Amino acid sequence: MANLHEAIRSIHDDVITIDGNTQETIIAKDINGDEVSINWTSVNAWTDPEQWKINRKREYPTYEDCIHALLDGGDTLTELQEKRQEIKAKYPKS
């Protein structure tokens, strides 16, 4: 599930503060301190437009792994570049 606080702020522009961490406990308030009614259907369906960055970072090999692969005779630079392109194609920018 996406970060509820991010989803709420993305969908409800008038939300200033959010207390709680679950759908059952969250209370969102506007600038006047009035409670904002949350559209939970939209919040639960929300996807982070920056998720592609997180997914790519999770799958990219570390710099250390790349260096080891090159120095130990594992992968060539071309093979590492191809792997990177595969990950980029798997998780395109939104």
PDB file of N, CA and C in Angstrom:
ATOM      1  N   MET A   1       0.848  -1.183   0.000  1.00  0.00           N
ATOM      2  CA  MET A   1       0.000   0.000   0.000  1.00  0.00           C
ATOM      3  C   MET A   1       0.888   1.240   0.000  1.00  0.00           C
ATOM      4  N   ALA A   2       0.438   2.214  -0.715  1.00  0.00           N
ATOM      5  CA  ALA A   2       1.179   3.473  -0.795  1.00  0.00           C
ATOM      6  C   ALA A   2       1.144   4.184   0.557  1.00  0.00           C
ATOM      7  N   ASN A   3       2.020   5.124   0.729  1.00  0.00           N
ATOM      8  CA  ASN A   3       2.053   5.922   1.936  1.00  0.00           C
ATOM      9  C   ASN A   3       0.747   6.708   2.042  1.00  0.00           C
ATOM     10  N   LEU A   4      -0.037   6.435   3.069  1.00  0.00           N
ATOM     11  CA  LEU A   4      -1.352   7.068   3.215  1.00  0.00           C
ATOM     12  C   LEU A   4      -1.262   8.580   3.331  1.00  0.00           C
ATOM     13  N   HIS A   5      -0.285   9.067   4.048  1.00  0.00           N
ATOM     14  CA  HIS A   5      -0.151  10.519   4.221  1.00  0.00           C
ATOM     15  C   HIS A   5       0.115  11.197   2.877  1.00  0.00           C
ATOM     16  N   GLU A   6       1.010  10.612   2.073  1.00  0.00           N
ATOM     17  CA  GLU A   6       1.295  11.185   0.756  1.00  0.00           C
ATOM     18  C   GLU A   6       0.060  11.152  -0.129  1.00  0.00           C
ATOM     19  N   ALA A   7      -0.654  10.048  -0.097  1.00  0.00           N
ATOM     20  CA  ALA A   7      -1.855   9.906  -0.918  1.00  0.00           C
ATOM     21  C   ALA A   7      -2.915  10.924  -0.507  1.00  0.00           C
ATOM     22  N   ILE A   8      -3.130  11.092   0.780  1.00  0.00           N
ATOM     23  CA  ILE A   8      -4.124  12.050   1.268  1.00  0.00           C
ATOM     24  C   ILE A   8      -3.750  13.463   0.828  1.00  0.00           C
ATOM     25  N   ARG A   9      -2.504  13.838   1.023  1.00  0.00           N
ATOM     26  CA  ARG A   9      -2.073  15.189   0.638  1.00  0.00           C
ATOM     27  C   ARG A   9      -2.161  15.402  -0.871  1.00  0.00           C
ATOM     28  N   SER A  10      -1.927  14.359  -1.635  1.00  0.00           N
ATOM     29  CA  SER A  10      -2.007  14.462  -3.088  1.00  0.00           C
ATOM     30  C   SER A  10      -3.448  14.655  -3.561  1.00  0.00           C
ATOM     31  N   ILE A  11      -4.366  14.007  -2.913  1.00  0.00           N
ATOM     32  CA  ILE A  11      -5.776  14.032  -3.330  1.00  0.00           C
ATOM     33  C   ILE A  11      -6.541  15.190  -2.703  1.00  0.00           C
ATOM     34  N   HIS A  12      -6.213  15.530  -1.470  1.00  0.00           N
ATOM     35  CA  HIS A  12      -6.935  16.565  -0.732  1.00  0.00           C
ATOM     36  C   HIS A  12      -6.014  17.779  -0.518  1.00  0.00           C
ATOM     37  N   ASP A  13      -6.121  18.751  -1.396  1.00  0.00           N
ATOM     38  CA  ASP A  13      -5.245  19.932  -1.341  1.00  0.00           C
ATOM     39  C   ASP A  13      -5.427  20.764  -0.076  1.00  0.00           C
ATOM     40  N   ASP A  14      -6.583  20.661   0.561  1.00  0.00           N
ATOM     41  CA  ASP A  14      -6.859  21.490   1.730  1.00  0.00           C
ATOM     42  C   ASP A  14      -6.318  20.913   3.036  1.00  0.00           C
ATOM     43  N   VAL A  15      -5.769  19.703   2.997  1.00  0.00           N
ATOM     44  CA  VAL A  15      -5.249  19.078   4.215  1.00  0.00           C
ATOM     45  C   VAL A  15      -3.920  19.725   4.604  1.00  0.00           C
ATOM     46  N   ILE A  16      -3.855  20.142   5.871  1.00  0.00           N
ATOM     47  CA  ILE A  16      -2.642  20.752   6.420  1.00  0.00           C
ATOM     48  C   ILE A  16      -1.954  19.806   7.396  1.00  0.00           C
ATOM     49  N   THR A  17      -2.730  19.152   8.268  1.00  0.00           N
ATOM     50  CA  THR A  17      -2.151  18.230   9.239  1.00  0.00           C
ATOM     51  C   THR A  17      -2.843  16.878   9.156  1.00  0.00           C
ATOM     52  N   ILE A  18      -2.072  15.843   9.444  1.00  0.00           N
ATOM     53  CA  ILE A  18      -2.604  14.483   9.476  1.00  0.00           C
ATOM     54  C   ILE A  18      -2.078  13.819  10.736  1.00  0.00           C
ATOM     55  N   ASP A  19      -2.983  13.299  11.529  1.00  0.00           N
ATOM     56  CA  ASP A  19      -2.623  12.532  12.718  1.00  0.00           C
ATOM     57  C   ASP A  19      -3.098  11.102  12.507  1.00  0.00           C
ATOM     58  N   GLY A  20      -2.282  10.145  12.915  1.00  0.00           N
ATOM     59  CA  GLY A  20      -2.622   8.735  12.771  1.00  0.00           C
ATOM     60  C   GLY A  20      -1.872   8.111  11.615  1.00  0.00           C
ATOM     61  N   ASN A  21      -1.870   6.778  11.601  1.00  0.00           N
ATOM     62  CA  ASN A  21      -1.099   6.064  10.584  1.00  0.00           C
ATOM     63  C   ASN A  21      -1.888   4.997   9.839  1.00  0.00           C
ATOM     64  N   THR A  22      -3.127   4.770  10.226  1.00  0.00           N
ATOM     65  CA  THR A  22      -3.947   3.776   9.532  1.00  0.00           C
ATOM     66  C   THR A  22      -5.258   4.429   9.129  1.00  0.00           C
ATOM     67  N   GLN A  23      -5.934   3.781   8.197  1.00  0.00           N
ATOM     68  CA  GLN A  23      -7.210   4.317   7.727  1.00  0.00           C
ATOM     69  C   GLN A  23      -8.189   4.516   8.892  1.00  0.00           C
ATOM     70  N   GLU A  24      -8.113   3.651   9.879  1.00  0.00           N
ATOM     71  CA  GLU A  24      -9.027   3.736  11.019  1.00  0.00           C
ATOM     72  C   GLU A  24      -8.662   4.850  11.998  1.00  0.00           C
ATOM     73  N   THR A  25      -7.392   5.252  12.021  1.00  0.00           N
ATOM     74  CA  THR A  25      -6.960   6.228  13.027  1.00  0.00           C
ATOM     75  C   THR A  25      -6.625   7.605  12.463  1.00  0.00           C
ATOM     76  N   ILE A  26      -6.564   7.734  11.158  1.00  0.00           N
ATOM     77  CA  ILE A  26      -6.157   9.014  10.567  1.00  0.00           C
ATOM     78  C   ILE A  26      -7.240  10.067  10.700  1.00  0.00           C
ATOM     79  N   ILE A  27      -6.803  11.242  11.139  1.00  0.00           N
ATOM     80  CA  ILE A  27      -7.654  12.429  11.177  1.00  0.00           C
ATOM     81  C   ILE A  27      -6.886  13.530  10.452  1.00  0.00           C
ATOM     82  N   ALA A  28      -7.490  14.033   9.394  1.00  0.00           N
ATOM     83  CA  ALA A  28      -6.851  15.096   8.602  1.00  0.00           C
ATOM     84  C   ALA A  28      -7.598  16.398   8.860  1.00  0.00           C
ATOM     85  N   LYS A  29      -6.835  17.490   8.959  1.00  0.00           N
ATOM     86  CA  LYS A  29      -7.444  18.788   9.237  1.00  0.00           C
ATOM     87  C   LYS A  29      -6.971  19.831   8.239  1.00  0.00           C
ATOM     88  N   ASP A  30      -7.826  20.824   8.027  1.00  0.00           N
ATOM     89  CA  ASP A  30      -7.483  21.922   7.119  1.00  0.00           C
ATOM     90  C   ASP A  30      -6.840  23.061   7.901  1.00  0.00           C
ATOM     91  N   ILE A  31      -6.609  24.170   7.233  1.00  0.00           N
ATOM     92  CA  ILE A  31      -5.913  25.307   7.837  1.00  0.00           C
ATOM     93  C   ILE A  31      -6.658  25.888   9.043  1.00  0.00           C
ATOM     94  N   ASN A  32      -7.982  25.719   9.074  1.00  0.00           N
ATOM     95  CA  ASN A  32      -8.789  26.227  10.188  1.00  0.00           C
ATOM     96  C   ASN A  32      -8.911  25.236  11.333  1.00  0.00           C
ATOM     97  N   GLY A  33      -8.291  24.056  11.175  1.00  0.00           N
ATOM     98  CA  GLY A  33      -8.391  23.030  12.209  1.00  0.00           C
ATOM     99  C   GLY A  33      -9.636  22.178  12.081  1.00  0.00           C
ATOM    100  N   ASP A  34     -10.382  22.372  10.992  1.00  0.00           N
ATOM    101  CA  ASP A  34     -11.588  21.573  10.767  1.00  0.00           C
ATOM    102  C   ASP A  34     -11.200  20.235  10.147  1.00  0.00           C
ATOM    103  N   GLU A  35     -11.899  19.186  10.555  1.00  0.00           N
ATOM    104  CA  GLU A  35     -11.608  17.858  10.023  1.00  0.00           C
ATOM    105  C   GLU A  35     -12.035  17.769   8.564  1.00  0.00           C
ATOM    106  N   VAL A  36     -11.177  17.180   7.750  1.00  0.00           N
ATOM    107  CA  VAL A  36     -11.444  16.994   6.327  1.00  0.00           C
ATOM    108  C   VAL A  36     -11.927  15.571   6.118  1.00  0.00           C
ATOM    109  N   SER A  37     -13.009  15.424   5.383  1.00  0.00           N
ATOM    110  CA  SER A  37     -13.541  14.099   5.063  1.00  0.00           C
ATOM    111  C   SER A  37     -12.667  13.478   3.975  1.00  0.00           C
ATOM    112  N   ILE A  38     -12.097  12.328   4.262  1.00  0.00           N
ATOM    113  CA  ILE A  38     -11.167  11.668   3.348  1.00  0.00           C
ATOM    114  C   ILE A  38     -11.920  10.762   2.381  1.00  0.00           C
ATOM    115  N   ASN A  39     -11.577  10.868   1.101  1.00  0.00           N
ATOM    116  CA  ASN A  39     -12.128   9.972   0.083  1.00  0.00           C
ATOM    117  C   ASN A  39     -11.221   8.737   0.061  1.00  0.00           C
ATOM    118  N   TRP A  40     -11.571   7.731   0.860  1.00  0.00           N
ATOM    119  CA  TRP A  40     -10.715   6.567   1.024  1.00  0.00           C
ATOM    120  C   TRP A  40     -10.621   5.726  -0.238  1.00  0.00           C
ATOM    121  N   THR A  41     -11.637   5.742  -1.066  1.00  0.00           N
ATOM    122  CA  THR A  41     -11.573   5.006  -2.331  1.00  0.00           C
ATOM    123  C   THR A  41     -10.443   5.561  -3.183  1.00  0.00           C
ATOM    124  N   SER A  42     -10.377   6.877  -3.297  1.00  0.00           N
ATOM    125  CA  SER A  42      -9.316   7.514  -4.075  1.00  0.00           C
ATOM    126  C   SER A  42      -7.949   7.329  -3.419  1.00  0.00           C
ATOM    127  N   VAL A  43      -7.905   7.473  -2.119  1.00  0.00           N
ATOM    128  CA  VAL A  43      -6.634   7.322  -1.398  1.00  0.00           C
ATOM    129  C   VAL A  43      -6.080   5.911  -1.586  1.00  0.00           C
ATOM    130  N   ASN A  44      -6.940   4.909  -1.441  1.00  0.00           N
ATOM    131  CA  ASN A  44      -6.480   3.527  -1.565  1.00  0.00           C
ATOM    132  C   ASN A  44      -6.106   3.155  -2.999  1.00  0.00           C
ATOM    133  N   ALA A  45      -6.646   3.869  -3.972  1.00  0.00           N
ATOM    134  CA  ALA A  45      -6.328   3.599  -5.377  1.00  0.00           C
ATOM    135  C   ALA A  45      -5.126   4.405  -5.864  1.00  0.00           C
ATOM    136  N   TRP A  46      -4.673   5.378  -5.076  1.00  0.00           N
ATOM    137  CA  TRP A  46      -3.589   6.272  -5.464  1.00  0.00           C
ATOM    138  C   TRP A  46      -2.273   5.518  -5.628  1.00  0.00           C
ATOM    139  N   THR A  47      -1.537   5.886  -6.662  1.00  0.00           N
ATOM    140  CA  THR A  47      -0.185   5.355  -6.831  1.00  0.00           C
ATOM    141  C   THR A  47       0.786   6.525  -6.883  1.00  0.00           C
ATOM    142  N   ASP A  48       1.906   6.341  -6.266  1.00  0.00           N
ATOM    143  CA  ASP A  48       2.917   7.385  -6.197  1.00  0.00           C
ATOM    144  C   ASP A  48       3.511   7.612  -7.588  1.00  0.00           C
ATOM    145  N   PRO A  49       3.418   8.839  -8.122  1.00  0.00           N
ATOM    146  CA  PRO A  49       3.981   9.082  -9.453  1.00  0.00           C
ATOM    147  C   PRO A  49       5.508   8.966  -9.491  1.00  0.00           C
ATOM    148  N   GLU A  50       6.131   8.904  -8.341  1.00  0.00           N
ATOM    149  CA  GLU A  50       7.583   8.763  -8.264  1.00  0.00           C
ATOM    150  C   GLU A  50       8.003   7.319  -7.958  1.00  0.00           C
ATOM    151  N   GLN A  51       7.058   6.384  -7.984  1.00  0.00           N
ATOM    152  CA  GLN A  51       7.361   4.993  -7.623  1.00  0.00           C
ATOM    153  C   GLN A  51       8.412   4.375  -8.549  1.00  0.00           C
ATOM    154  N   TRP A  52       8.457   4.812  -9.793  1.00  0.00           N
ATOM    155  CA  TRP A  52       9.440   4.261 -10.721  1.00  0.00           C
ATOM    156  C   TRP A  52      10.860   4.451 -10.205  1.00  0.00           C
ATOM    157  N   LYS A  53      11.114   5.578  -9.527  1.00  0.00           N
ATOM    158  CA  LYS A  53      12.453   5.831  -8.989  1.00  0.00           C
ATOM    159  C   LYS A  53      12.807   4.815  -7.911  1.00  0.00           C
ATOM    160  N   ILE A  54      11.849   4.548  -7.049  1.00  0.00           N
ATOM    161  CA  ILE A  54      12.055   3.599  -5.952  1.00  0.00           C
ATOM    162  C   ILE A  54      12.292   2.201  -6.515  1.00  0.00           C
ATOM    163  N   ASN A  55      11.476   1.810  -7.492  1.00  0.00           N
ATOM    164  CA  ASN A  55      11.610   0.483  -8.088  1.00  0.00           C
ATOM    165  C   ASN A  55      12.956   0.302  -8.782  1.00  0.00           C
ATOM    166  N   ARG A  56      13.373   1.323  -9.542  1.00  0.00           N
ATOM    167  CA  ARG A  56      14.661   1.232 -10.224  1.00  0.00           C
ATOM    168  C   ARG A  56      15.800   1.112  -9.222  1.00  0.00           C
ATOM    169  N   LYS A  57      15.785   1.961  -8.227  1.00  0.00           N
ATOM    170  CA  LYS A  57      16.864   1.957  -7.239  1.00  0.00           C
ATOM    171  C   LYS A  57      16.963   0.603  -6.544  1.00  0.00           C
ATOM    172  N   ARG A  58      15.816  -0.002  -6.288  1.00  0.00           N
ATOM    173  CA  ARG A  58      15.778  -1.296  -5.621  1.00  0.00           C
ATOM    174  C   ARG A  58      16.454  -2.383  -6.477  1.00  0.00           C
ATOM    175  N   GLU A  59      16.323  -2.280  -7.793  1.00  0.00           N
ATOM    176  CA  GLU A  59      16.850  -3.323  -8.673  1.00  0.00           C
ATOM    177  C   GLU A  59      18.226  -3.039  -9.257  1.00  0.00           C
ATOM    178  N   TYR A  60      18.625  -1.784  -9.328  1.00  0.00           N
ATOM    179  CA  TYR A  60      19.958  -1.483  -9.845  1.00  0.00           C
ATOM    180  C   TYR A  60      21.010  -2.117  -8.939  1.00  0.00           C
ATOM    181  N   PRO A  61      22.059  -2.686  -9.539  1.00  0.00           N
ATOM    182  CA  PRO A  61      23.153  -3.166  -8.689  1.00  0.00           C
ATOM    183  C   PRO A  61      23.878  -1.970  -8.075  1.00  0.00           C
ATOM    184  N   THR A  62      24.466  -2.187  -6.938  1.00  0.00           N
ATOM    185  CA  THR A  62      25.217  -1.106  -6.297  1.00  0.00           C
ATOM    186  C   THR A  62      26.480  -0.829  -7.103  1.00  0.00           C
ATOM    187  N   TYR A  63      27.073   0.324  -6.895  1.00  0.00           N
ATOM    188  CA  TYR A  63      28.333   0.646  -7.560  1.00  0.00           C
ATOM    189  C   TYR A  63      29.386  -0.402  -7.200  1.00  0.00           C
ATOM    190  N   GLU A  64      29.383  -0.801  -5.956  1.00  0.00           N
ATOM    191  CA  GLU A  64      30.347  -1.802  -5.500  1.00  0.00           C
ATOM    192  C   GLU A  64      30.164  -3.111  -6.267  1.00  0.00           C
ATOM    193  N   ASP A  65      28.914  -3.541  -6.439  1.00  0.00           N
ATOM    194  CA  ASP A  65      28.653  -4.769  -7.193  1.00  0.00           C
ATOM    195  C   ASP A  65      29.113  -4.640  -8.646  1.00  0.00           C
ATOM    196  N   CYS A  66      28.909  -3.470  -9.243  1.00  0.00           N
ATOM    197  CA  CYS A  66      29.352  -3.244 -10.626  1.00  0.00           C
ATOM    198  C   CYS A  66      30.869  -3.331 -10.739  1.00  0.00           C
ATOM    199  N   ILE A  67      31.546  -2.704  -9.806  1.00  0.00           N
ATOM    200  CA  ILE A  67      33.011  -2.732  -9.828  1.00  0.00           C
ATOM    201  C   ILE A  67      33.529  -4.154  -9.663  1.00  0.00           C
ATOM    202  N   HIS A  68      32.931  -4.889  -8.712  1.00  0.00           N
ATOM    203  CA  HIS A  68      33.333  -6.282  -8.516  1.00  0.00           C
ATOM    204  C   HIS A  68      33.082  -7.111  -9.773  1.00  0.00           C
ATOM    205  N   ALA A  69      31.935  -6.900 -10.413  1.00  0.00           N
ATOM    206  CA  ALA A  69      31.612  -7.652 -11.631  1.00  0.00           C
ATOM    207  C   ALA A  69      32.626  -7.362 -12.730  1.00  0.00           C
ATOM    208  N   LEU A  70      33.008  -6.101 -12.864  1.00  0.00           N
ATOM    209  CA  LEU A  70      33.980  -5.731 -13.898  1.00  0.00           C
ATOM    210  C   LEU A  70      35.378  -6.262 -13.582  1.00  0.00           C
ATOM    211  N   LEU A  71      35.807  -6.099 -12.336  1.00  0.00           N
ATOM    212  CA  LEU A  71      37.161  -6.499 -11.960  1.00  0.00           C
ATOM    213  C   LEU A  71      37.334  -8.009 -11.848  1.00  0.00           C
ATOM    214  N   ASP A  72      36.268  -8.697 -11.459  1.00  0.00           N
ATOM    215  CA  ASP A  72      36.356 -10.148 -11.294  1.00  0.00           C
ATOM    216  C   ASP A  72      36.091 -10.894 -12.594  1.00  0.00           C
ATOM    217  N   GLY A  73      35.870 -10.157 -13.691  1.00  0.00           N
ATOM    218  CA  GLY A  73      35.656 -10.809 -14.977  1.00  0.00           C
ATOM    219  C   GLY A  73      34.248 -11.340 -15.156  1.00  0.00           C
ATOM    220  N   GLY A  74      33.321 -10.894 -14.313  1.00  0.00           N
ATOM    221  CA  GLY A  74      31.933 -11.346 -14.435  1.00  0.00           C
ATOM    222  C   GLY A  74      31.259 -10.696 -15.626  1.00  0.00           C
ATOM    223  N   ASP A  75      30.782  -9.523 -15.441  1.00  0.00           N
ATOM    224  CA  ASP A  75      30.080  -8.802 -16.499  1.00  0.00           C
ATOM    225  C   ASP A  75      31.011  -7.803 -17.177  1.00  0.00           C
ATOM    226  N   THR A  76      30.714  -7.552 -18.443  1.00  0.00           N
ATOM    227  CA  THR A  76      31.411  -6.478 -19.151  1.00  0.00           C
ATOM    228  C   THR A  76      30.616  -5.200 -18.950  1.00  0.00           C
ATOM    229  N   LEU A  77      31.202  -4.093 -19.302  1.00  0.00           N
ATOM    230  CA  LEU A  77      30.504  -2.815 -19.196  1.00  0.00           C
ATOM    231  C   LEU A  77      29.243  -2.829 -20.047  1.00  0.00           C
ATOM    232  N   THR A  78      29.325  -3.431 -21.219  1.00  0.00           N
ATOM    233  CA  THR A  78      28.150  -3.509 -22.099  1.00  0.00           C
ATOM    234  C   THR A  78      27.036  -4.318 -21.447  1.00  0.00           C
ATOM    235  N   GLU A  79      27.381  -5.415 -20.793  1.00  0.00           N
ATOM    236  CA  GLU A  79      26.369  -6.238 -20.114  1.00  0.00           C
ATOM    237  C   GLU A  79      25.724  -5.472 -18.962  1.00  0.00           C
ATOM    238  N   LEU A  80      26.522  -4.722 -18.213  1.00  0.00           N
ATOM    239  CA  LEU A  80      25.972  -3.920 -17.123  1.00  0.00           C
ATOM    240  C   LEU A  80      25.035  -2.838 -17.668  1.00  0.00           C
ATOM    241  N   GLN A  81      25.425  -2.224 -18.783  1.00  0.00           N
ATOM    242  CA  GLN A  81      24.572  -1.203 -19.397  1.00  0.00           C
ATOM    243  C   GLN A  81      23.269  -1.820 -19.901  1.00  0.00           C
ATOM    244  N   GLU A  82      23.336  -3.029 -20.448  1.00  0.00           N
ATOM    245  CA  GLU A  82      22.127  -3.712 -20.926  1.00  0.00           C
ATOM    246  C   GLU A  82      21.187  -4.029 -19.768  1.00  0.00           C
ATOM    247  N   LYS A  83      21.744  -4.480 -18.644  1.00  0.00           N
ATOM    248  CA  LYS A  83      20.929  -4.763 -17.460  1.00  0.00           C
ATOM    249  C   LYS A  83      20.239  -3.487 -16.979  1.00  0.00           C
ATOM    250  N   ARG A  84      20.976  -2.391 -16.993  1.00  0.00           N
ATOM    251  CA  ARG A  84      20.402  -1.101 -16.567  1.00  0.00           C
ATOM    252  C   ARG A  84      19.263  -0.691 -17.492  1.00  0.00           C
ATOM    253  N   GLN A  85      19.439  -0.877 -18.791  1.00  0.00           N
ATOM    254  CA  GLN A  85      18.385  -0.531 -19.751  1.00  0.00           C
ATOM    255  C   GLN A  85      17.149  -1.413 -19.561  1.00  0.00           C
ATOM    256  N   GLU A  86      17.345  -2.682 -19.214  1.00  0.00           N
ATOM    257  CA  GLU A  86      16.216  -3.581 -18.946  1.00  0.00           C
ATOM    258  C   GLU A  86      15.398  -3.081 -17.753  1.00  0.00           C
ATOM    259  N   ILE A  87      16.096  -2.654 -16.715  1.00  0.00           N
ATOM    260  CA  ILE A  87      15.413  -2.137 -15.521  1.00  0.00           C
ATOM    261  C   ILE A  87      14.676  -0.846 -15.859  1.00  0.00           C
ATOM    262  N   LYS A  88      15.310   0.030 -16.641  1.00  0.00           N
ATOM    263  CA  LYS A  88      14.668   1.288 -17.046  1.00  0.00           C
ATOM    264  C   LYS A  88      13.407   1.008 -17.883  1.00  0.00           C
ATOM    265  N   ALA A  89      13.459  -0.007 -18.732  1.00  0.00           N
ATOM    266  CA  ALA A  89      12.284  -0.360 -19.537  1.00  0.00           C
ATOM    267  C   ALA A  89      11.190  -0.974 -18.672  1.00  0.00           C
ATOM    268  N   LYS A  90      11.593  -1.714 -17.663  1.00  0.00           N
ATOM    269  CA  LYS A  90      10.641  -2.358 -16.750  1.00  0.00           C
ATOM    270  C   LYS A  90       9.890  -1.325 -15.906  1.00  0.00           C
ATOM    271  N   TYR A  91      10.583  -0.247 -15.537  1.00  0.00           N
ATOM    272  CA  TYR A  91      10.011   0.818 -14.707  1.00  0.00           C
ATOM    273  C   TYR A  91      10.175   2.165 -15.410  1.00  0.00           C
ATOM    274  N   PRO A  92       9.352   2.440 -16.432  1.00  0.00           N
ATOM    275  CA  PRO A  92       9.488   3.718 -17.145  1.00  0.00           C
ATOM    276  C   PRO A  92       9.069   4.886 -16.285  1.00  0.00           C
ATOM    277  N   LYS A  93       9.589   6.060 -16.620  1.00  0.00           N
ATOM    278  CA  LYS A  93       9.168   7.280 -15.911  1.00  0.00           C
ATOM    279  C   LYS A  93       7.684   7.478 -16.141  1.00  0.00           C
ATOM    280  N   SER A  94       7.017   7.902 -15.106  1.00  0.00           N
ATOM    281  CA  SER A  94       5.557   8.101 -15.209  1.00  0.00           C
ATOM    282  C   SER A  94       5.230   9.295 -16.066  1.00  0.00           C
TER     283      SER A  94
END
